[in-house]
């Protein structure tokens, strides 16, 4: 078990909304996999916040799909393309305030079949711990987003034509079709 929450940077170019296509680059050897995650949206500037007050800086929560190209993840020294390729961070469908981030069921469906389901109660580090740790080193600004990871390995790999949905009762359904790049 890690001693502290690991923080992973994600690039804005990778963000897309619900209903937009996840595009697998032509030179991807795969597998390309999904990770259905809870995402916090920061509501006000946060710097050096305590765990006790960390959630006060959250405007609300949404869903994310941390799409990952695993062969690139193994070969590159960083995750710059494995997790940050254009369209690899679907997020949505809406931001919801007032929910308990530590008691949310996150489900992933591929073509209508449930392939993953977990409760955020099982997170190793709480949402408050992530925010407090990050704010020690990085000033968080309104509309910054923090993704909290998923429950483990994902199977099956995504393939062109698949419809991948990340689902939560309070937030809704983040739905994206997968396609292969043509150029």
N, C-alpha and C. Protein backbone atom coordinates (compact mmCIF):
# COMPACT_ATOMS: atom_id res chain seq x y z
N UNK A 1 0.84 -1.17 0.00
CA UNK A 1 0.00 0.00 0.00
C UNK A 1 0.90 1.24 0.00
N UNK A 2 0.58 2.23 -0.84
CA UNK A 2 1.39 3.45 -0.86
C UNK A 2 1.24 4.23 0.44
N UNK A 3 2.28 4.99 0.78
CA UNK A 3 2.25 5.80 2.00
C UNK A 3 1.37 7.03 1.86
N UNK A 4 1.23 7.53 0.64
CA UNK A 4 0.42 8.73 0.42
C UNK A 4 -0.24 8.65 -0.95
N UNK A 5 -1.22 9.49 -1.15
CA UNK A 5 -1.97 9.50 -2.41
C UNK A 5 -1.06 9.90 -3.57
N UNK A 6 -1.03 9.10 -4.63
CA UNK A 6 -0.28 9.46 -5.83
C UNK A 6 -1.11 10.42 -6.66
N UNK A 7 -0.46 11.42 -7.19
CA UNK A 7 -1.13 12.43 -7.99
C UNK A 7 -0.71 12.26 -9.44
N UNK A 8 -1.66 12.23 -10.36
CA UNK A 8 -1.35 12.09 -11.78
C UNK A 8 -1.85 13.29 -12.57
N UNK A 9 -0.97 13.92 -13.32
CA UNK A 9 -1.37 15.07 -14.14
C UNK A 9 -2.09 14.59 -15.39
N UNK A 10 -3.14 15.31 -15.78
CA UNK A 10 -3.86 15.04 -17.00
C UNK A 10 -3.99 16.34 -17.79
N UNK A 11 -3.79 16.27 -19.08
CA UNK A 11 -3.78 17.44 -19.95
C UNK A 11 -5.18 17.83 -20.41
N UNK A 12 -5.43 19.13 -20.54
CA UNK A 12 -6.73 19.62 -20.99
C UNK A 12 -7.12 19.13 -22.37
N UNK A 13 -6.13 18.89 -23.24
CA UNK A 13 -6.45 18.45 -24.60
C UNK A 13 -7.17 17.11 -24.63
N UNK A 14 -7.06 16.35 -23.56
CA UNK A 14 -7.66 15.02 -23.51
C UNK A 14 -9.13 15.06 -23.11
N UNK A 15 -9.60 16.19 -22.57
CA UNK A 15 -10.97 16.28 -22.06
C UNK A 15 -11.99 16.35 -23.19
N UNK A 16 -13.04 15.54 -23.06
CA UNK A 16 -14.20 15.58 -23.94
C UNK A 16 -15.43 15.37 -23.08
N UNK A 17 -16.57 15.75 -23.59
CA UNK A 17 -17.83 15.58 -22.87
C UNK A 17 -18.53 14.28 -23.21
N UNK A 18 -19.59 14.02 -22.47
CA UNK A 18 -20.44 12.87 -22.76
C UNK A 18 -21.01 13.03 -24.16
N UNK A 19 -21.07 11.93 -24.90
CA UNK A 19 -21.59 11.95 -26.26
C UNK A 19 -20.53 12.12 -27.34
N UNK A 20 -19.32 12.51 -26.95
CA UNK A 20 -18.23 12.64 -27.92
C UNK A 20 -17.47 11.33 -28.02
N UNK A 21 -16.83 11.10 -29.15
CA UNK A 21 -16.11 9.85 -29.38
C UNK A 21 -14.73 9.82 -28.73
N UNK A 22 -14.40 8.67 -28.16
CA UNK A 22 -13.04 8.35 -27.74
C UNK A 22 -12.35 7.85 -29.00
N UNK A 23 -11.24 8.47 -29.40
CA UNK A 23 -10.57 8.12 -30.64
C UNK A 23 -9.24 7.43 -30.32
N UNK A 24 -9.13 6.17 -30.72
CA UNK A 24 -7.88 5.42 -30.52
C UNK A 24 -6.91 5.80 -31.64
N UNK A 25 -5.73 6.32 -31.30
CA UNK A 25 -4.76 6.70 -32.34
C UNK A 25 -4.38 5.50 -33.23
N UNK A 26 -4.10 5.80 -34.48
CA UNK A 26 -3.79 4.73 -35.46
C UNK A 26 -2.60 3.88 -35.04
N UNK A 27 -1.59 4.48 -34.40
CA UNK A 27 -0.39 3.72 -34.05
C UNK A 27 -0.47 3.04 -32.68
N UNK A 28 -1.66 2.99 -32.10
CA UNK A 28 -1.85 2.31 -30.82
C UNK A 28 -1.79 0.79 -31.04
N UNK A 29 -0.96 0.13 -30.24
CA UNK A 29 -0.90 -1.33 -30.26
C UNK A 29 -1.83 -1.94 -29.22
N UNK A 30 -2.35 -1.07 -28.32
CA UNK A 30 -3.28 -1.52 -27.30
C UNK A 30 -2.64 -2.40 -26.25
N UNK A 31 -3.43 -2.85 -25.35
CA UNK A 31 -4.86 -2.58 -25.24
C UNK A 31 -5.14 -1.16 -24.76
N UNK A 32 -6.31 -0.66 -25.12
CA UNK A 32 -6.82 0.60 -24.61
C UNK A 32 -7.93 0.24 -23.63
N UNK A 33 -7.78 0.73 -22.40
CA UNK A 33 -8.70 0.33 -21.33
C UNK A 33 -9.35 1.54 -20.69
N UNK A 34 -10.45 1.29 -19.99
CA UNK A 34 -11.23 2.31 -19.30
C UNK A 34 -10.93 2.28 -17.80
N UNK A 35 -11.17 3.39 -17.14
CA UNK A 35 -11.13 3.46 -15.68
C UNK A 35 -12.22 4.44 -15.26
N UNK A 36 -13.36 3.95 -14.82
CA UNK A 36 -14.45 4.81 -14.38
C UNK A 36 -14.14 5.41 -13.02
N UNK A 37 -14.20 6.75 -12.92
CA UNK A 37 -13.74 7.43 -11.72
C UNK A 37 -14.66 8.56 -11.28
N UNK A 38 -14.65 8.85 -9.99
CA UNK A 38 -15.27 10.04 -9.45
C UNK A 38 -14.29 11.20 -9.68
N UNK A 39 -14.83 12.38 -10.02
CA UNK A 39 -14.01 13.56 -10.27
C UNK A 39 -14.57 14.72 -9.45
N UNK A 40 -13.68 15.42 -8.73
CA UNK A 40 -14.08 16.62 -7.99
C UNK A 40 -13.77 17.85 -8.83
N UNK A 41 -14.69 18.81 -8.80
CA UNK A 41 -14.48 20.10 -9.47
C UNK A 41 -14.28 21.14 -8.37
N UNK A 42 -13.13 21.79 -8.40
CA UNK A 42 -12.79 22.78 -7.39
C UNK A 42 -13.65 24.03 -7.58
N UNK A 43 -14.14 24.60 -6.47
CA UNK A 43 -15.02 25.75 -6.53
C UNK A 43 -14.39 27.07 -6.15
N UNK A 44 -13.31 27.01 -5.35
CA UNK A 44 -12.60 28.24 -4.99
C UNK A 44 -11.13 27.93 -4.74
N UNK A 45 -10.32 28.98 -4.82
CA UNK A 45 -8.87 28.78 -4.72
C UNK A 45 -8.52 28.06 -3.42
N UNK A 46 -7.65 27.06 -3.55
CA UNK A 46 -7.24 26.26 -2.39
C UNK A 46 -5.72 26.17 -2.35
N UNK A 47 -5.16 26.59 -1.24
CA UNK A 47 -3.72 26.49 -1.01
C UNK A 47 -3.51 26.19 0.45
N UNK A 48 -2.77 25.12 0.74
CA UNK A 48 -2.46 24.69 2.11
C UNK A 48 -3.74 24.47 2.93
N UNK A 49 -4.70 23.74 2.36
CA UNK A 49 -5.93 23.46 3.11
C UNK A 49 -5.76 22.19 3.94
N UNK A 50 -6.45 22.13 5.03
CA UNK A 50 -6.41 20.95 5.89
C UNK A 50 -7.39 19.90 5.37
N UNK A 51 -7.19 18.67 5.78
CA UNK A 51 -8.15 17.62 5.43
C UNK A 51 -9.53 17.96 5.96
N UNK A 52 -9.58 18.53 7.16
CA UNK A 52 -10.86 18.84 7.79
C UNK A 52 -11.68 19.84 6.97
N UNK A 53 -11.01 20.70 6.20
CA UNK A 53 -11.72 21.73 5.43
C UNK A 53 -11.62 21.53 3.92
N UNK A 54 -10.97 20.47 3.49
CA UNK A 54 -10.71 20.27 2.05
C UNK A 54 -11.98 20.21 1.22
N UNK A 55 -13.02 19.57 1.70
CA UNK A 55 -14.25 19.43 0.91
C UNK A 55 -14.99 20.76 0.76
N UNK A 56 -14.66 21.74 1.61
CA UNK A 56 -15.27 23.07 1.49
C UNK A 56 -14.85 23.76 0.19
N UNK A 57 -13.80 23.28 -0.44
CA UNK A 57 -13.27 23.89 -1.67
C UNK A 57 -13.81 23.22 -2.93
N UNK A 58 -14.68 22.24 -2.77
CA UNK A 58 -15.23 21.49 -3.90
C UNK A 58 -16.58 22.08 -4.30
N UNK A 59 -16.72 22.43 -5.58
CA UNK A 59 -18.01 22.93 -6.10
C UNK A 59 -18.99 21.80 -6.31
N UNK A 60 -18.47 20.64 -6.70
CA UNK A 60 -19.31 19.48 -6.96
C UNK A 60 -18.50 18.35 -7.55
N UNK A 61 -19.22 17.30 -7.95
CA UNK A 61 -18.58 16.08 -8.43
C UNK A 61 -19.18 15.68 -9.76
N UNK A 62 -18.37 15.04 -10.57
CA UNK A 62 -18.82 14.50 -11.84
C UNK A 62 -18.15 13.15 -12.05
N UNK A 63 -18.30 12.59 -13.23
CA UNK A 63 -17.71 11.29 -13.56
C UNK A 63 -16.62 11.48 -14.60
N UNK A 64 -15.66 10.57 -14.59
CA UNK A 64 -14.61 10.58 -15.59
C UNK A 64 -14.27 9.17 -16.04
N UNK A 65 -13.76 9.07 -17.25
CA UNK A 65 -13.26 7.81 -17.79
C UNK A 65 -11.79 8.04 -18.13
N UNK A 66 -10.90 7.52 -17.31
CA UNK A 66 -9.46 7.70 -17.47
C UNK A 66 -8.96 6.66 -18.46
N UNK A 67 -9.19 6.93 -19.75
CA UNK A 67 -8.81 6.00 -20.82
C UNK A 67 -7.28 5.90 -20.85
N UNK A 68 -6.78 4.67 -21.00
CA UNK A 68 -5.33 4.44 -20.94
C UNK A 68 -4.90 3.47 -22.02
N UNK A 69 -3.86 3.85 -22.75
CA UNK A 69 -3.25 2.98 -23.76
C UNK A 69 -2.11 2.25 -23.06
N UNK A 70 -2.30 0.97 -22.75
CA UNK A 70 -1.40 0.25 -21.85
C UNK A 70 -0.02 -0.05 -22.44
N UNK A 71 0.10 -0.26 -23.75
CA UNK A 71 1.45 -0.52 -24.29
C UNK A 71 2.30 0.74 -24.17
N UNK A 72 1.71 1.90 -24.37
CA UNK A 72 2.44 3.16 -24.20
C UNK A 72 2.76 3.39 -22.73
N UNK A 73 1.85 3.00 -21.87
CA UNK A 73 2.08 3.16 -20.43
C UNK A 73 3.30 2.37 -20.00
N UNK A 74 3.52 1.21 -20.60
CA UNK A 74 4.68 0.38 -20.26
C UNK A 74 5.96 0.88 -20.90
N UNK A 75 5.86 1.47 -22.08
CA UNK A 75 7.08 1.82 -22.82
C UNK A 75 7.60 3.23 -22.55
N UNK A 76 6.72 4.16 -22.22
CA UNK A 76 7.14 5.55 -22.00
C UNK A 76 7.54 5.74 -20.54
N UNK A 77 8.51 6.62 -20.30
CA UNK A 77 8.94 6.90 -18.92
C UNK A 77 7.87 7.65 -18.14
N UNK A 78 7.01 8.38 -18.82
CA UNK A 78 5.92 9.10 -18.17
C UNK A 78 4.61 8.67 -18.84
N UNK A 79 3.51 9.19 -18.36
CA UNK A 79 2.21 8.82 -18.92
C UNK A 79 1.71 9.85 -19.93
N UNK A 80 2.63 10.63 -20.49
CA UNK A 80 2.23 11.76 -21.33
C UNK A 80 1.31 11.37 -22.46
N UNK A 81 1.52 10.27 -23.14
CA UNK A 81 0.58 9.92 -24.22
C UNK A 81 -0.37 8.80 -23.83
N UNK A 82 0.03 7.92 -22.93
CA UNK A 82 -0.81 6.79 -22.53
C UNK A 82 -2.12 7.25 -21.90
N UNK A 83 -2.10 8.37 -21.19
CA UNK A 83 -3.29 8.86 -20.51
C UNK A 83 -3.72 10.25 -20.96
N UNK A 84 -2.96 10.89 -21.83
CA UNK A 84 -3.24 12.27 -22.22
C UNK A 84 -3.48 12.47 -23.70
N UNK A 85 -3.60 11.41 -24.47
CA UNK A 85 -3.90 11.57 -25.89
C UNK A 85 -5.26 12.26 -26.04
N UNK A 86 -5.41 13.00 -27.13
CA UNK A 86 -6.68 13.67 -27.39
C UNK A 86 -7.84 12.68 -27.22
N UNK A 87 -8.87 13.10 -26.54
CA UNK A 87 -10.13 12.37 -26.29
C UNK A 87 -10.02 11.30 -25.20
N UNK A 88 -8.89 11.15 -24.53
CA UNK A 88 -8.71 10.08 -23.55
C UNK A 88 -9.24 10.41 -22.15
N UNK A 89 -9.90 11.55 -21.98
CA UNK A 89 -10.45 11.89 -20.67
C UNK A 89 -11.89 12.36 -20.77
N UNK A 90 -12.81 11.49 -21.15
CA UNK A 90 -14.22 11.87 -21.12
C UNK A 90 -14.63 12.25 -19.68
N UNK A 91 -15.48 13.29 -19.58
CA UNK A 91 -15.90 13.76 -18.28
C UNK A 91 -17.33 14.30 -18.38
N UNK A 92 -18.16 14.02 -17.37
CA UNK A 92 -19.52 14.52 -17.36
C UNK A 92 -20.46 13.51 -16.73
N UNK A 93 -21.74 13.57 -16.91
CA UNK A 93 -22.48 14.47 -17.79
C UNK A 93 -22.80 15.81 -17.16
N UNK A 94 -22.71 15.90 -15.82
CA UNK A 94 -22.99 17.17 -15.15
C UNK A 94 -22.25 17.18 -13.83
N UNK A 95 -22.18 18.35 -13.21
CA UNK A 95 -21.55 18.53 -11.90
C UNK A 95 -22.66 18.57 -10.86
N UNK A 96 -22.52 17.75 -9.81
CA UNK A 96 -23.53 17.65 -8.77
C UNK A 96 -22.90 18.01 -7.42
N UNK A 97 -23.50 18.95 -6.71
CA UNK A 97 -23.04 19.34 -5.38
C UNK A 97 -23.84 18.59 -4.32
N UNK A 98 -23.27 18.55 -3.11
CA UNK A 98 -24.01 18.04 -1.97
C UNK A 98 -24.06 16.53 -1.84
N UNK A 99 -23.23 15.80 -2.55
CA UNK A 99 -23.19 14.35 -2.37
C UNK A 99 -21.97 13.98 -1.53
N UNK A 100 -22.04 12.84 -0.90
CA UNK A 100 -20.92 12.35 -0.10
C UNK A 100 -19.94 11.65 -1.04
N UNK A 101 -18.75 12.24 -1.26
CA UNK A 101 -17.82 11.62 -2.21
C UNK A 101 -17.27 10.28 -1.74
N UNK A 102 -17.42 10.00 -0.47
CA UNK A 102 -16.90 8.75 0.07
C UNK A 102 -17.97 7.67 0.21
N UNK A 103 -19.08 7.84 -0.51
CA UNK A 103 -20.12 6.81 -0.53
C UNK A 103 -20.87 6.86 -1.85
N UNK A 104 -20.13 6.71 -2.93
CA UNK A 104 -20.72 6.72 -4.27
C UNK A 104 -20.39 5.42 -5.00
N UNK A 105 -21.39 4.82 -5.60
CA UNK A 105 -21.17 3.62 -6.42
C UNK A 105 -20.87 4.10 -7.84
N UNK A 106 -19.74 3.64 -8.36
CA UNK A 106 -19.32 3.96 -9.73
C UNK A 106 -19.36 2.65 -10.51
N UNK A 107 -20.12 2.65 -11.57
CA UNK A 107 -20.29 1.46 -12.40
C UNK A 107 -19.81 1.77 -13.81
N UNK A 108 -19.19 0.79 -14.47
CA UNK A 108 -18.81 0.93 -15.88
C UNK A 108 -19.54 -0.15 -16.67
N UNK A 109 -20.16 0.29 -17.76
CA UNK A 109 -20.83 -0.64 -18.67
C UNK A 109 -20.19 -0.52 -20.05
N UNK A 110 -19.99 -1.67 -20.67
CA UNK A 110 -19.52 -1.72 -22.06
C UNK A 110 -20.63 -2.38 -22.86
N UNK A 111 -21.15 -1.65 -23.84
CA UNK A 111 -22.24 -2.16 -24.68
C UNK A 111 -23.41 -2.69 -23.85
N UNK A 112 -23.70 -1.97 -22.74
CA UNK A 112 -24.83 -2.32 -21.89
C UNK A 112 -24.55 -3.35 -20.82
N UNK A 113 -23.38 -3.97 -20.83
CA UNK A 113 -23.03 -4.99 -19.83
C UNK A 113 -22.15 -4.39 -18.74
N UNK A 114 -22.52 -4.59 -17.48
CA UNK A 114 -21.71 -4.09 -16.37
C UNK A 114 -20.41 -4.88 -16.29
N UNK A 115 -19.28 -4.14 -16.35
CA UNK A 115 -17.96 -4.78 -16.31
C UNK A 115 -17.18 -4.37 -15.07
N UNK A 116 -17.66 -3.36 -14.35
CA UNK A 116 -16.99 -2.90 -13.14
C UNK A 116 -18.00 -2.16 -12.27
N UNK A 117 -17.92 -2.39 -10.96
CA UNK A 117 -18.76 -1.65 -10.02
C UNK A 117 -18.05 -1.63 -8.68
N UNK A 118 -17.92 -0.43 -8.10
CA UNK A 118 -17.28 -0.31 -6.80
C UNK A 118 -17.86 0.89 -6.06
N UNK A 119 -17.65 0.92 -4.75
CA UNK A 119 -18.07 2.04 -3.93
C UNK A 119 -16.84 2.82 -3.51
N UNK A 120 -16.91 4.13 -3.56
CA UNK A 120 -15.77 4.97 -3.19
C UNK A 120 -15.40 4.81 -1.72
N UNK A 121 -16.24 4.17 -0.91
CA UNK A 121 -15.87 3.86 0.48
C UNK A 121 -14.57 3.05 0.52
N UNK A 122 -14.30 2.32 -0.54
CA UNK A 122 -13.12 1.46 -0.58
C UNK A 122 -11.84 2.17 -1.00
N UNK A 123 -11.90 3.49 -1.21
CA UNK A 123 -10.70 4.22 -1.61
C UNK A 123 -9.63 4.13 -0.51
N UNK A 124 -8.38 3.96 -0.91
CA UNK A 124 -7.28 3.90 0.05
C UNK A 124 -7.11 5.25 0.74
N UNK A 125 -7.20 6.33 -0.04
CA UNK A 125 -7.10 7.69 0.48
C UNK A 125 -8.40 8.42 0.18
N UNK A 126 -8.84 9.22 1.11
CA UNK A 126 -10.11 9.93 0.93
C UNK A 126 -9.94 11.11 -0.02
N UNK A 127 -11.07 11.60 -0.51
CA UNK A 127 -11.09 12.79 -1.36
C UNK A 127 -10.43 13.95 -0.61
N UNK A 128 -10.73 14.11 0.67
CA UNK A 128 -10.14 15.18 1.47
C UNK A 128 -8.62 15.03 1.56
N UNK A 129 -8.12 13.81 1.69
CA UNK A 129 -6.67 13.60 1.76
C UNK A 129 -6.00 14.02 0.45
N UNK A 130 -6.60 13.66 -0.69
CA UNK A 130 -6.05 14.07 -1.98
C UNK A 130 -5.97 15.59 -2.09
N UNK A 131 -7.08 16.25 -1.79
CA UNK A 131 -7.12 17.71 -1.96
C UNK A 131 -6.14 18.40 -1.02
N UNK A 132 -6.08 17.96 0.23
CA UNK A 132 -5.15 18.56 1.19
C UNK A 132 -3.71 18.36 0.73
N UNK A 133 -3.37 17.15 0.29
CA UNK A 133 -1.99 16.90 -0.15
C UNK A 133 -1.65 17.73 -1.38
N UNK A 134 -2.53 17.75 -2.36
CA UNK A 134 -2.25 18.52 -3.57
C UNK A 134 -2.08 20.00 -3.25
N UNK A 135 -2.91 20.52 -2.36
CA UNK A 135 -2.88 21.97 -2.08
C UNK A 135 -1.61 22.40 -1.35
N UNK A 136 -0.85 21.46 -0.85
CA UNK A 136 0.44 21.80 -0.24
C UNK A 136 1.47 22.23 -1.29
N UNK A 137 1.32 21.74 -2.52
CA UNK A 137 2.32 21.95 -3.55
C UNK A 137 1.80 22.71 -4.77
N UNK A 138 0.49 22.64 -4.99
CA UNK A 138 -0.13 23.23 -6.17
C UNK A 138 -1.33 24.05 -5.72
N UNK A 139 -1.41 25.29 -6.17
CA UNK A 139 -2.60 26.08 -5.89
C UNK A 139 -3.72 25.57 -6.78
N UNK A 140 -4.81 25.17 -6.18
CA UNK A 140 -5.97 24.70 -6.93
C UNK A 140 -6.88 25.89 -7.20
N UNK A 141 -7.35 25.98 -8.43
CA UNK A 141 -8.17 27.10 -8.86
C UNK A 141 -9.58 26.63 -9.20
N UNK A 142 -10.56 27.56 -9.17
CA UNK A 142 -11.91 27.18 -9.58
C UNK A 142 -11.91 26.52 -10.95
N UNK A 143 -12.67 25.45 -11.05
CA UNK A 143 -12.82 24.62 -12.25
C UNK A 143 -11.67 23.65 -12.50
N UNK A 144 -10.63 23.64 -11.65
CA UNK A 144 -9.65 22.54 -11.73
C UNK A 144 -10.41 21.26 -11.39
N UNK A 145 -9.96 20.15 -11.96
CA UNK A 145 -10.61 18.87 -11.70
C UNK A 145 -9.60 17.88 -11.14
N UNK A 146 -10.06 17.07 -10.21
CA UNK A 146 -9.22 16.05 -9.58
C UNK A 146 -9.90 14.70 -9.76
N UNK A 147 -9.18 13.78 -10.39
CA UNK A 147 -9.70 12.43 -10.65
C UNK A 147 -9.16 11.52 -9.55
N UNK A 148 -10.00 10.57 -9.08
CA UNK A 148 -9.65 9.80 -7.90
C UNK A 148 -9.33 8.33 -8.12
N UNK A 149 -9.19 7.88 -9.32
CA UNK A 149 -8.81 6.50 -9.56
C UNK A 149 -9.98 5.53 -9.49
N UNK A 150 -9.68 4.28 -9.78
CA UNK A 150 -10.73 3.26 -9.80
C UNK A 150 -10.32 2.09 -8.93
N UNK A 151 -11.08 1.02 -8.98
CA UNK A 151 -10.89 -0.08 -8.05
C UNK A 151 -9.92 -1.16 -8.49
N UNK A 152 -9.30 -1.05 -9.64
CA UNK A 152 -8.34 -2.08 -10.02
C UNK A 152 -8.30 -2.33 -11.50
N UNK A 153 -7.74 -3.47 -11.89
CA UNK A 153 -7.55 -3.76 -13.30
C UNK A 153 -8.87 -3.80 -14.06
N UNK A 154 -8.78 -3.42 -15.30
CA UNK A 154 -9.97 -3.35 -16.13
C UNK A 154 -9.88 -4.34 -17.28
N UNK A 155 -10.96 -5.01 -17.52
CA UNK A 155 -11.10 -5.90 -18.65
C UNK A 155 -12.54 -5.83 -19.09
N UNK A 156 -12.89 -5.94 -20.28
CA UNK A 156 -12.05 -6.14 -21.45
C UNK A 156 -11.53 -4.81 -22.00
N UNK A 157 -10.58 -4.91 -22.92
CA UNK A 157 -10.07 -3.72 -23.59
C UNK A 157 -11.16 -3.13 -24.48
N UNK A 158 -11.08 -1.82 -24.68
CA UNK A 158 -12.04 -1.15 -25.56
C UNK A 158 -11.68 -1.41 -27.01
N UNK A 159 -12.71 -1.47 -27.85
CA UNK A 159 -12.47 -1.65 -29.28
C UNK A 159 -13.41 -0.73 -30.06
N UNK A 160 -13.05 -0.40 -31.29
CA UNK A 160 -13.91 0.47 -32.09
C UNK A 160 -15.35 -0.06 -32.14
N UNK A 161 -16.28 0.86 -31.97
CA UNK A 161 -17.70 0.51 -31.97
C UNK A 161 -18.28 0.35 -30.58
N UNK A 162 -17.44 0.12 -29.57
CA UNK A 162 -17.94 -0.04 -28.21
C UNK A 162 -18.58 1.25 -27.70
N UNK A 163 -19.60 1.08 -26.89
CA UNK A 163 -20.18 2.19 -26.13
C UNK A 163 -19.78 1.97 -24.68
N UNK A 164 -19.00 2.89 -24.13
CA UNK A 164 -18.56 2.78 -22.74
C UNK A 164 -19.31 3.84 -21.93
N UNK A 165 -19.90 3.38 -20.81
CA UNK A 165 -20.68 4.25 -19.94
C UNK A 165 -20.14 4.16 -18.51
N UNK A 166 -19.92 5.32 -17.91
CA UNK A 166 -19.59 5.40 -16.49
C UNK A 166 -20.84 5.94 -15.82
N UNK A 167 -21.32 5.23 -14.79
CA UNK A 167 -22.65 5.48 -14.25
C UNK A 167 -22.59 5.71 -12.74
N UNK A 168 -23.37 6.69 -12.27
CA UNK A 168 -23.57 6.94 -10.84
C UNK A 168 -25.00 7.45 -10.68
N UNK A 169 -25.71 6.94 -9.68
CA UNK A 169 -27.11 7.33 -9.49
C UNK A 169 -27.31 8.82 -9.32
N UNK A 170 -26.43 9.50 -8.61
CA UNK A 170 -26.59 10.93 -8.35
C UNK A 170 -26.15 11.80 -9.52
N UNK A 171 -25.14 11.37 -10.24
CA UNK A 171 -24.53 12.20 -11.29
C UNK A 171 -25.10 11.89 -12.67
N UNK A 172 -25.39 10.65 -12.95
CA UNK A 172 -25.94 10.28 -14.24
C UNK A 172 -25.04 9.33 -15.00
N UNK A 173 -25.08 9.43 -16.34
CA UNK A 173 -24.36 8.51 -17.21
C UNK A 173 -23.44 9.31 -18.13
N UNK A 174 -22.15 9.01 -18.05
CA UNK A 174 -21.15 9.53 -18.98
C UNK A 174 -21.03 8.47 -20.07
N UNK A 175 -21.43 8.81 -21.29
CA UNK A 175 -21.47 7.81 -22.38
C UNK A 175 -20.63 8.28 -23.55
N UNK A 176 -19.74 7.40 -24.03
CA UNK A 176 -18.88 7.72 -25.16
C UNK A 176 -18.68 6.49 -26.03
N UNK A 177 -18.77 6.70 -27.33
CA UNK A 177 -18.51 5.64 -28.31
C UNK A 177 -17.01 5.64 -28.62
N UNK A 178 -16.46 4.47 -28.90
CA UNK A 178 -15.04 4.31 -29.23
C UNK A 178 -14.90 4.15 -30.74
N UNK A 179 -13.91 4.85 -31.32
CA UNK A 179 -13.61 4.66 -32.72
C UNK A 179 -12.11 4.71 -32.96
N UNK A 180 -11.69 4.17 -34.06
CA UNK A 180 -10.28 4.16 -34.46
C UNK A 180 -10.02 5.39 -35.32
N UNK A 181 -8.89 6.05 -35.10
CA UNK A 181 -8.52 7.20 -35.94
C UNK A 181 -8.27 6.72 -37.36
N UNK A 182 -8.64 7.55 -38.33
CA UNK A 182 -8.42 7.19 -39.73
C UNK A 182 -7.15 7.83 -40.28
N UNK A 183 -6.67 8.88 -39.66
CA UNK A 183 -5.41 9.50 -40.10
C UNK A 183 -4.46 9.65 -38.96
